[in-house]
PDB file of N, CA and C in Angstrom:
ATOM      1  N   UNK A   1      54.285  77.258  72.471  1.00  0.00           N
ATOM      2  CA  UNK A   1      54.520  78.434  73.499  1.00  0.00           C
ATOM      3  C   UNK A   1      55.473  78.816  74.035  1.00  0.00           C
ATOM      4  N   UNK A   2      55.939  80.219  74.160  1.00  0.00           N
ATOM      5  CA  UNK A   2      57.314  80.420  74.738  1.00  0.00           C
ATOM      6  C   UNK A   2      56.774  80.170  76.401  1.00  0.00           C
ATOM      7  N   UNK A   3      58.394  79.784  76.594  1.00  0.00           N
ATOM      8  CA  UNK A   3      57.958  79.474  78.188  1.00  0.00           C
ATOM      9  C   UNK A   3      58.367  80.464  79.001  1.00  0.00           C
ATOM     10  N   UNK A   4      57.992  80.489  80.301  1.00  0.00           N
ATOM     11  CA  UNK A   4      58.070  81.932  80.858  1.00  0.00           C
ATOM     12  C   UNK A   4      59.382  81.377  82.165  1.00  0.00           C
ATOM     13  N   UNK A   5      60.110  81.761  82.103  1.00  0.00           N
ATOM     14  CA  UNK A   5      61.250  81.599  83.168  1.00  0.00           C
ATOM     15  C   UNK A   5      61.450  82.993  84.340  1.00  0.00           C
ATOM     16  N   UNK A   6      61.274  82.314  85.209  1.00  0.00           N
ATOM     17  CA  UNK A   6      60.967  83.463  86.142  1.00  0.00           C
ATOM     18  C   UNK A   6      62.562  83.807  86.911  1.00  0.00           C
ATOM     19  N   UNK A   7      62.791  85.380  86.584  1.00  0.00           N
ATOM     20  CA  UNK A   7      64.226  86.044  87.189  1.00  0.00           C
ATOM     21  C   UNK A   7      64.510  85.574  88.437  1.00  0.00           C
ATOM     22  N   UNK A   8      65.833  84.962  88.667  1.00  0.00           N
ATOM     23  CA  UNK A   8      65.886  85.046  90.190  1.00  0.00           C
ATOM     24  C   UNK A   8      67.890  85.757  90.563  1.00  0.00           C
ATOM     25  N   UNK A   9      67.434  86.807  91.194  1.00  0.00           N
ATOM     26  CA  UNK A   9      68.426  87.023  92.171  1.00  0.00           C
ATOM     27  C   UNK A   9      68.951  86.873  93.180  1.00  0.00           C
ATOM     28  N   UNK A  10      70.125  86.678  93.513  1.00  0.00           N
ATOM     29  CA  UNK A  10      70.499  86.464  94.825  1.00  0.00           C
ATOM     30  C   UNK A  10      71.591  87.648  95.554  1.00  0.00           C
ATOM     31  N   UNK A  11      70.349  88.705  96.259  1.00  0.00           N
ATOM     32  CA  UNK A  11      71.450  89.194  96.930  1.00  0.00           C
ATOM     33  C   UNK A  11      72.987  89.259  97.877  1.00  0.00           C
ATOM     34  N   UNK A  12      74.021  90.015  97.344  1.00  0.00           N
ATOM     35  CA  UNK A  12      75.022  90.049  98.244  1.00  0.00           C
ATOM     36  C   UNK A  12      74.688  89.877  99.310  1.00  0.00           C
ATOM     37  N   UNK A  13      75.633  89.446 100.638  1.00  0.00           N
ATOM     38  CA  UNK A  13      75.529  90.406 101.784  1.00  0.00           C
ATOM     39  C   UNK A  13      76.369  91.293 102.352  1.00  0.00           C
ATOM     40  N   UNK A  14      75.522  92.509 102.956  1.00  0.00           N
ATOM     41  CA  UNK A  14      76.257  93.685 102.619  1.00  0.00           C
ATOM     42  C   UNK A  14      77.432  93.838 103.157  1.00  0.00           C
ATOM     43  N   UNK A  15      78.322  94.461 103.064  1.00  0.00           N
ATOM     44  CA  UNK A  15      79.635  94.670 103.291  1.00  0.00           C
ATOM     45  C   UNK A  15      79.960  96.309 104.087  1.00  0.00           C
ATOM     46  N   UNK A  16      80.687  96.357 104.586  1.00  0.00           N
ATOM     47  CA  UNK A  16      81.713  97.637 105.455  1.00  0.00           C
ATOM     48  C   UNK A  16      81.093  98.920 104.374  1.00  0.00           C
ATOM     49  N   UNK A  17      80.928 100.113 104.827  1.00  0.00           N
ATOM     50  CA  UNK A  17      80.335 101.519 104.585  1.00  0.00           C
ATOM     51  C   UNK A  17      81.456 102.198 104.804  1.00  0.00           C
ATOM     52  N   UNK A  18      82.282 102.691 104.152  1.00  0.00           N
ATOM     53  CA  UNK A  18      83.035 103.401 104.310  1.00  0.00           C
ATOM     54  C   UNK A  18      83.152 105.024 104.063  1.00  0.00           C
ATOM     55  N   UNK A  19      83.583 105.836 104.498  1.00  0.00           N
ATOM     56  CA  UNK A  19      83.162 107.209 104.362  1.00  0.00           C
ATOM     57  C   UNK A  19      84.586 108.454 105.239  1.00  0.00           C
ATOM     58  N   UNK A  20      84.599 109.092 104.109  1.00  0.00           N
ATOM     59  CA  UNK A  20      85.998 110.092 104.657  1.00  0.00           C
ATOM     60  C   UNK A  20      85.134 111.287 103.948  1.00  0.00           C
ATOM     61  N   UNK A  21      85.472 112.351 104.828  1.00  0.00           N
ATOM     62  CA  UNK A  21      85.250 113.610 104.530  1.00  0.00           C
ATOM     63  C   UNK A  21      86.479 114.661 103.781  1.00  0.00           C
ATOM     64  N   UNK A  22      87.106 114.841 103.193  1.00  0.00           N
ATOM     65  CA  UNK A  22      88.033 115.421 102.890  1.00  0.00           C
ATOM     66  C   UNK A  22      88.113 116.926 103.394  1.00  0.00           C
ATOM     67  N   UNK A  23      88.841 117.438 102.854  1.00  0.00           N
ATOM     68  CA  UNK A  23      89.790 118.480 103.106  1.00  0.00           C
ATOM     69  C   UNK A  23      88.501 119.893 102.393  1.00  0.00           C
ATOM     70  N   UNK A  24      88.312 121.149 103.416  1.00  0.00           N
ATOM     71  CA  UNK A  24      87.338 121.883 102.736  1.00  0.00           C
ATOM     72  C   UNK A  24      87.856 122.606 101.799  1.00  0.00           C
ATOM     73  N   UNK A  25      86.720 122.699 101.196  1.00  0.00           N
ATOM     74  CA  UNK A  25      87.514 123.506  99.602  1.00  0.00           C
ATOM     75  C   UNK A  25      86.349 125.295  99.825  1.00  0.00           C
ATOM     76  N   UNK A  26      87.120 126.200  99.844  1.00  0.00           N
ATOM     77  CA  UNK A  26      86.365 127.551 100.098  1.00  0.00           C
ATOM     78  C   UNK A  26      85.879 128.049  98.468  1.00  0.00           C
ATOM     79  N   UNK A  27      84.663 128.538  98.496  1.00  0.00           N
ATOM     80  CA  UNK A  27      84.077 129.294  97.610  1.00  0.00           C
ATOM     81  C   UNK A  27      83.672 130.559  97.768  1.00  0.00           C
ATOM     82  N   UNK A  28      84.389 130.932  98.853  1.00  0.00           N
ATOM     83  CA  UNK A  28      84.381 132.440  99.195  1.00  0.00           C
ATOM     84  C   UNK A  28      85.128 133.497  98.325  1.00  0.00           C
ATOM     85  N   UNK A  29      84.423 134.089  97.583  1.00  0.00           N
ATOM     86  CA  UNK A  29      84.929 135.401  96.797  1.00  0.00           C
ATOM     87  C   UNK A  29      85.395 134.387  95.589  1.00  0.00           C
ATOM     88  N   UNK A  30      84.461 133.315  94.901  1.00  0.00           N
ATOM     89  CA  UNK A  30      84.446 132.802  93.841  1.00  0.00           C
ATOM     90  C   UNK A  30      83.293 133.825  92.695  1.00  0.00           C
ATOM     91  N   UNK A  31      83.075 134.121  91.911  1.00  0.00           N
ATOM     92  CA  UNK A  31      82.079 135.049  91.104  1.00  0.00           C
ATOM     93  C   UNK A  31      81.408 133.512  89.920  1.00  0.00           C
ATOM     94  N   UNK A  32      80.477 133.539  90.802  1.00  0.00           N
ATOM     95  CA  UNK A  32      79.731 132.515  89.420  1.00  0.00           C
ATOM     96  C   UNK A  32      79.510 132.613  88.752  1.00  0.00           C
ATOM     97  N   UNK A  33      79.737 134.140  88.067  1.00  0.00           N
ATOM     98  CA  UNK A  33      79.796 134.509  86.209  1.00  0.00           C
ATOM     99  C   UNK A  33      81.504 134.289  85.916  1.00  0.00           C
ATOM    100  N   UNK A  34      82.072 133.924  87.003  1.00  0.00           N
ATOM    101  CA  UNK A  34      83.583 133.871  86.321  1.00  0.00           C
ATOM    102  C   UNK A  34      83.831 132.667  85.769  1.00  0.00           C
ATOM    103  N   UNK A  35      83.752 131.984  84.374  1.00  0.00           N
ATOM    104  CA  UNK A  35      83.893 130.836  84.299  1.00  0.00           C
ATOM    105  C   UNK A  35      84.929 130.072  84.829  1.00  0.00           C
ATOM    106  N   UNK A  36      86.347 130.809  84.432  1.00  0.00           N
ATOM    107  CA  UNK A  36      87.616 130.373  85.019  1.00  0.00           C
ATOM    108  C   UNK A  36      87.653 130.009  86.475  1.00  0.00           C
ATOM    109  N   UNK A  37      87.489 130.724  86.747  1.00  0.00           N
ATOM    110  CA  UNK A  37      86.966 130.938  89.018  1.00  0.00           C
ATOM    111  C   UNK A  37      85.968 129.459  89.095  1.00  0.00           C
ATOM    112  N   UNK A  38      84.945 129.554  88.626  1.00  0.00           N
ATOM    113  CA  UNK A  38      84.341 128.520  88.732  1.00  0.00           C
ATOM    114  C   UNK A  38      85.095 126.485  87.864  1.00  0.00           C
ATOM    115  N   UNK A  39      85.510 126.837  87.111  1.00  0.00           N
ATOM    116  CA  UNK A  39      86.590 125.327  86.711  1.00  0.00           C
ATOM    117  C   UNK A  39      87.411 125.208  87.649  1.00  0.00           C
ATOM    118  N   UNK A  40      88.166 126.515  87.871  1.00  0.00           N
ATOM    119  CA  UNK A  40      89.161 126.002  89.486  1.00  0.00           C
ATOM    120  C   UNK A  40      88.596 125.382  90.353  1.00  0.00           C
ATOM    121  N   UNK A  41      87.434 125.410  90.985  1.00  0.00           N
ATOM    122  CA  UNK A  41      86.805 125.177  91.993  1.00  0.00           C
ATOM    123  C   UNK A  41      86.315 123.738  91.570  1.00  0.00           C
ATOM    124  N   UNK A  42      86.087 123.892  90.570  1.00  0.00           N
ATOM    125  CA  UNK A  42      85.530 122.855  90.223  1.00  0.00           C
ATOM    126  C   UNK A  42      86.408 121.251  89.942  1.00  0.00           C
ATOM    127  N   UNK A  43      87.654 122.131  89.095  1.00  0.00           N
ATOM    128  CA  UNK A  43      88.930 121.067  89.608  1.00  0.00           C
ATOM    129  C   UNK A  43      89.500 120.726  90.828  1.00  0.00           C
ATOM    130  N   UNK A  44      89.153 121.078  91.410  1.00  0.00           N
ATOM    131  CA  UNK A  44      89.697 121.168  93.156  1.00  0.00           C
ATOM    132  C   UNK A  44      88.670 120.782  93.699  1.00  0.00           C
ATOM    133  N   UNK A  45      87.443 120.068  93.634  1.00  0.00           N
ATOM    134  CA  UNK A  45      87.021 119.537  94.300  1.00  0.00           C
ATOM    135  C   UNK A  45      86.761 118.313  93.028  1.00  0.00           C
ATOM    136  N   UNK A  46      86.935 118.257  92.208  1.00  0.00           N
ATOM    137  CA  UNK A  46      87.774 116.614  91.603  1.00  0.00           C
ATOM    138  C   UNK A  46      88.500 116.478  91.895  1.00  0.00           C
ATOM    139  N   UNK A  47      89.672 117.082  92.079  1.00  0.00           N
ATOM    140  CA  UNK A  47      90.766 116.304  92.464  1.00  0.00           C
ATOM    141  C   UNK A  47      90.974 115.462  94.044  1.00  0.00           C
ATOM    142  N   UNK A  48      90.201 116.475  94.719  1.00  0.00           N
ATOM    143  CA  UNK A  48      90.070 115.592  96.411  1.00  0.00           C
ATOM    144  C   UNK A  48      88.963 114.591  96.813  1.00  0.00           C
ATOM    145  N   UNK A  49      88.023 114.934  95.555  1.00  0.00           N
ATOM    146  CA  UNK A  49      86.840 113.767  95.580  1.00  0.00           C
ATOM    147  C   UNK A  49      87.452 112.431  95.229  1.00  0.00           C
ATOM    148  N   UNK A  50      88.062 112.331  94.522  1.00  0.00           N
ATOM    149  CA  UNK A  50      89.075 111.444  93.589  1.00  0.00           C
ATOM    150  C   UNK A  50      90.435 110.813  94.216  1.00  0.00           C
ATOM    151  N   UNK A  51      90.543 111.477  95.046  1.00  0.00           N
ATOM    152  CA  UNK A  51      92.152 111.280  95.607  1.00  0.00           C
ATOM    153  C   UNK A  51      91.080 110.611  97.308  1.00  0.00           C
ATOM    154  N   UNK A  52      89.868 111.122  97.743  1.00  0.00           N
ATOM    155  CA  UNK A  52      89.126 110.631  98.867  1.00  0.00           C
ATOM    156  C   UNK A  52      89.015 108.819  98.025  1.00  0.00           C
ATOM    157  N   UNK A  53      88.494 109.066  97.195  1.00  0.00           N
ATOM    158  CA  UNK A  53      87.953 107.609  96.587  1.00  0.00           C
ATOM    159  C   UNK A  53      89.033 106.678  96.685  1.00  0.00           C
ATOM    160  N   UNK A  54      89.792 107.183  95.905  1.00  0.00           N
ATOM    161  CA  UNK A  54      91.228 106.232  95.917  1.00  0.00           C
ATOM    162  C   UNK A  54      91.568 105.335  97.176  1.00  0.00           C
ATOM    163  N   UNK A  55      91.708 106.286  98.153  1.00  0.00           N
ATOM    164  CA  UNK A  55      92.230 106.142  99.647  1.00  0.00           C
ATOM    165  C   UNK A  55      91.499 105.568 100.347  1.00  0.00           C
ATOM    166  N   UNK A  56      89.885 105.326 100.260  1.00  0.00           N
ATOM    167  CA  UNK A  56      89.136 104.634 100.537  1.00  0.00           C
ATOM    168  C   UNK A  56      89.099 103.482  99.885  1.00  0.00           C
ATOM    169  N   UNK A  57      88.870 103.117  98.470  1.00  0.00           N
ATOM    170  CA  UNK A  57      89.000 101.720  97.603  1.00  0.00           C
ATOM    171  C   UNK A  57      90.205 100.847  97.849  1.00  0.00           C
ATOM    172  N   UNK A  58      91.688 101.736  98.203  1.00  0.00           N
ATOM    173  CA  UNK A  58      92.588 100.645  98.892  1.00  0.00           C
ATOM    174  C   UNK A  58      92.474 100.698  99.993  1.00  0.00           C
ATOM    175  N   UNK A  59      92.039 100.807 101.484  1.00  0.00           N
ATOM    176  CA  UNK A  59      91.775 100.611 102.222  1.00  0.00           C
ATOM    177  C   UNK A  59      90.593  99.399 102.465  1.00  0.00           C
ATOM    178  N   UNK A  60      90.139  99.442 101.876  1.00  0.00           N
ATOM    179  CA  UNK A  60      89.036  98.463 101.553  1.00  0.00           C
ATOM    180  C   UNK A  60      89.479  97.095 101.349  1.00  0.00           C
ATOM    181  N   UNK A  61      90.547  97.246 100.165  1.00  0.00           N
ATOM    182  CA  UNK A  61      91.051  96.062  99.765  1.00  0.00           C
ATOM    183  C   UNK A  61      91.841  95.314 100.863  1.00  0.00           C
ATOM    184  N   UNK A  62      92.400  96.687 101.887  1.00  0.00           N
ATOM    185  CA  UNK A  62      93.212  95.619 102.609  1.00  0.00           C
ATOM    186  C   UNK A  62      92.323  95.242 104.298  1.00  0.00           C
ATOM    187  N   UNK A  63      91.329  95.222 104.424  1.00  0.00           N
ATOM    188  CA  UNK A  63      90.045  95.236 105.568  1.00  0.00           C
ATOM    189  C   UNK A  63      89.479  93.709 105.754  1.00  0.00           C
ATOM    190  N   UNK A  64      90.348  93.206 106.788  1.00  0.00           N
ATOM    191  CA  UNK A  64      89.808  91.621 107.021  1.00  0.00           C
ATOM    192  C   UNK A  64      88.657  91.513 107.564  1.00  0.00           C
ATOM    193  N   UNK A  65      88.056  92.751 107.915  1.00  0.00           N
ATOM    194  CA  UNK A  65      86.625  92.368 108.135  1.00  0.00           C
ATOM    195  C   UNK A  65      85.504  93.432 107.864  1.00  0.00           C
ATOM    196  N   UNK A  66      85.971  93.673 105.965  1.00  0.00           N
ATOM    197  CA  UNK A  66      85.181  93.794 105.012  1.00  0.00           C
ATOM    198  C   UNK A  66      83.830  93.387 104.592  1.00  0.00           C
ATOM    199  N   UNK A  67      83.662  91.645 104.678  1.00  0.00           N
ATOM    200  CA  UNK A  67      82.779  91.138 104.565  1.00  0.00           C
ATOM    201  C   UNK A  67      82.049  91.274 105.604  1.00  0.00           C
ATOM    202  N   UNK A  68      80.564  90.885 105.639  1.00  0.00           N
ATOM    203  CA  UNK A  68      79.705  90.918 107.366  1.00  0.00           C
ATOM    204  C   UNK A  68      79.815  89.802 108.011  1.00  0.00           C
ATOM    205  N   UNK A  69      80.062  88.458 107.559  1.00  0.00           N
ATOM    206  CA  UNK A  69      80.124  86.844 108.182  1.00  0.00           C
ATOM    207  C   UNK A  69      81.345  87.245 109.040  1.00  0.00           C
ATOM    208  N   UNK A  70      82.685  87.568 108.926  1.00  0.00           N
ATOM    209  CA  UNK A  70      83.801  87.851 109.785  1.00  0.00           C
ATOM    210  C   UNK A  70      83.705  88.750 110.227  1.00  0.00           C
ATOM    211  N   UNK A  71      83.293  90.348 110.037  1.00  0.00           N
ATOM    212  CA  UNK A  71      82.984  90.963 111.008  1.00  0.00           C
ATOM    213  C   UNK A  71      81.941  90.137 112.157  1.00  0.00           C
ATOM    214  N   UNK A  72      81.273  89.981 111.793  1.00  0.00           N
ATOM    215  CA  UNK A  72      79.806  89.448 112.843  1.00  0.00           C
ATOM    216  C   UNK A  72      80.773  88.005 113.523  1.00  0.00           C
ATOM    217  N   UNK A  73      81.191  87.668 112.877  1.00  0.00           N
ATOM    218  CA  UNK A  73      81.594  86.718 114.014  1.00  0.00           C
ATOM    219  C   UNK A  73      82.859  86.886 115.496  1.00  0.00           C
ATOM    220  N   UNK A  74      83.622  87.969 114.719  1.00  0.00           N
ATOM    221  CA  UNK A  74      84.567  88.802 115.839  1.00  0.00           C
ATOM    222  C   UNK A  74      83.777  89.267 116.481  1.00  0.00           C
ATOM    223  N   UNK A  75      82.764  90.406 115.875  1.00  0.00           N
ATOM    224  CA  UNK A  75      81.973  91.075 117.455  1.00  0.00           C
ATOM    225  C   UNK A  75      81.419  90.425 118.470  1.00  0.00           C
ATOM    226  N   UNK A  76      80.621  88.783 117.329  1.00  0.00           N
ATOM    227  CA  UNK A  76      79.915  88.240 118.228  1.00  0.00           C
ATOM    228  C   UNK A  76      80.519  87.429 119.068  1.00  0.00           C
ATOM    229  N   UNK A  77      82.201  87.507 119.223  1.00  0.00           N
ATOM    230  CA  UNK A  77      83.295  86.618 119.839  1.00  0.00           C
ATOM    231  C   UNK A  77      83.407  87.916 121.309  1.00  0.00           C
ATOM    232  N   UNK A  78      83.558  88.900 120.999  1.00  0.00           N
ATOM    233  CA  UNK A  78      83.677  90.064 121.570  1.00  0.00           C
ATOM    234  C   UNK A  78      82.334  90.378 122.551  1.00  0.00           C
ATOM    235  N   UNK A  79      81.044  89.591 122.438  1.00  0.00           N
ATOM    236  CA  UNK A  79      79.973  89.799 122.570  1.00  0.00           C
ATOM    237  C   UNK A  79      78.902  91.201 122.520  1.00  0.00           C
ATOM    238  N   UNK A  80      79.166  91.558 121.332  1.00  0.00           N
ATOM    239  CA  UNK A  80      78.803  92.679 120.689  1.00  0.00           C
ATOM    240  C   UNK A  80      79.164  93.667 121.694  1.00  0.00           C
ATOM    241  N   UNK A  81      80.341  94.206 122.261  1.00  0.00           N
ATOM    242  CA  UNK A  81      80.454  95.134 123.348  1.00  0.00           C
ATOM    243  C   UNK A  81      81.605  96.076 122.198  1.00  0.00           C
ATOM    244  N   UNK A  82      81.782  95.034 121.112  1.00  0.00           N
ATOM    245  CA  UNK A  82      82.693  96.282 120.384  1.00  0.00           C
ATOM    246  C   UNK A  82      82.808  96.044 119.119  1.00  0.00           C
ATOM    247  N   UNK A  83      82.955  97.251 118.325  1.00  0.00           N
ATOM    248  CA  UNK A  83      83.595  96.414 116.674  1.00  0.00           C
ATOM    249  C   UNK A  83      84.355  96.481 116.421  1.00  0.00           C
ATOM    250  N   UNK A  84      84.508  95.435 114.783  1.00  0.00           N
ATOM    251  CA  UNK A  84      85.810  95.385 114.620  1.00  0.00           C
ATOM    252  C   UNK A  84      86.375  96.388 114.123  1.00  0.00           C
ATOM    253  N   UNK A  85      87.731  96.510 114.276  1.00  0.00           N
ATOM    254  CA  UNK A  85      88.576  97.318 113.986  1.00  0.00           C
ATOM    255  C   UNK A  85      88.498  97.830 112.385  1.00  0.00           C
ATOM    256  N   UNK A  86      88.483  98.717 112.368  1.00  0.00           N
ATOM    257  CA  UNK A  86      89.392  99.642 110.783  1.00  0.00           C
ATOM    258  C   UNK A  86      90.417  99.989 110.424  1.00  0.00           C
ATOM    259  N   UNK A  87      90.416 100.862 109.751  1.00  0.00           N
ATOM    260  CA  UNK A  87      92.254 101.721 109.973  1.00  0.00           C
ATOM    261  C   UNK A  87      92.277 103.116 110.517  1.00  0.00           C
ATOM    262  N   UNK A  88      92.770 103.246 110.566  1.00  0.00           N
ATOM    263  CA  UNK A  88      93.242 104.556 111.061  1.00  0.00           C
ATOM    264  C   UNK A  88      93.350 105.369 109.862  1.00  0.00           C
ATOM    265  N   UNK A  89      93.109 106.860 110.293  1.00  0.00           N
ATOM    266  CA  UNK A  89      93.677 108.204 108.549  1.00  0.00           C
ATOM    267  C   UNK A  89      95.129 108.449 108.478  1.00  0.00           C
TER     268      UNK A  89
END
């Protein structure tokens, strides 16, 4: 007969979350029925979003406290009174 193998998954420890709010993109004066104007706004949003994601990915690679264990060790050594440093914008 067939043998049942229980699937095993080992979750990874959580890493630091990175958030960045990009530049505001005005939609005032954009007529929703104007396809060219909508495409222009869409492209502006896409460029801004991609640049923010690229920036955060590069900063994440340089973050020595990205992983939970080193970050928790540093914060514990400070008696949990401060957070591990991140990066400046």
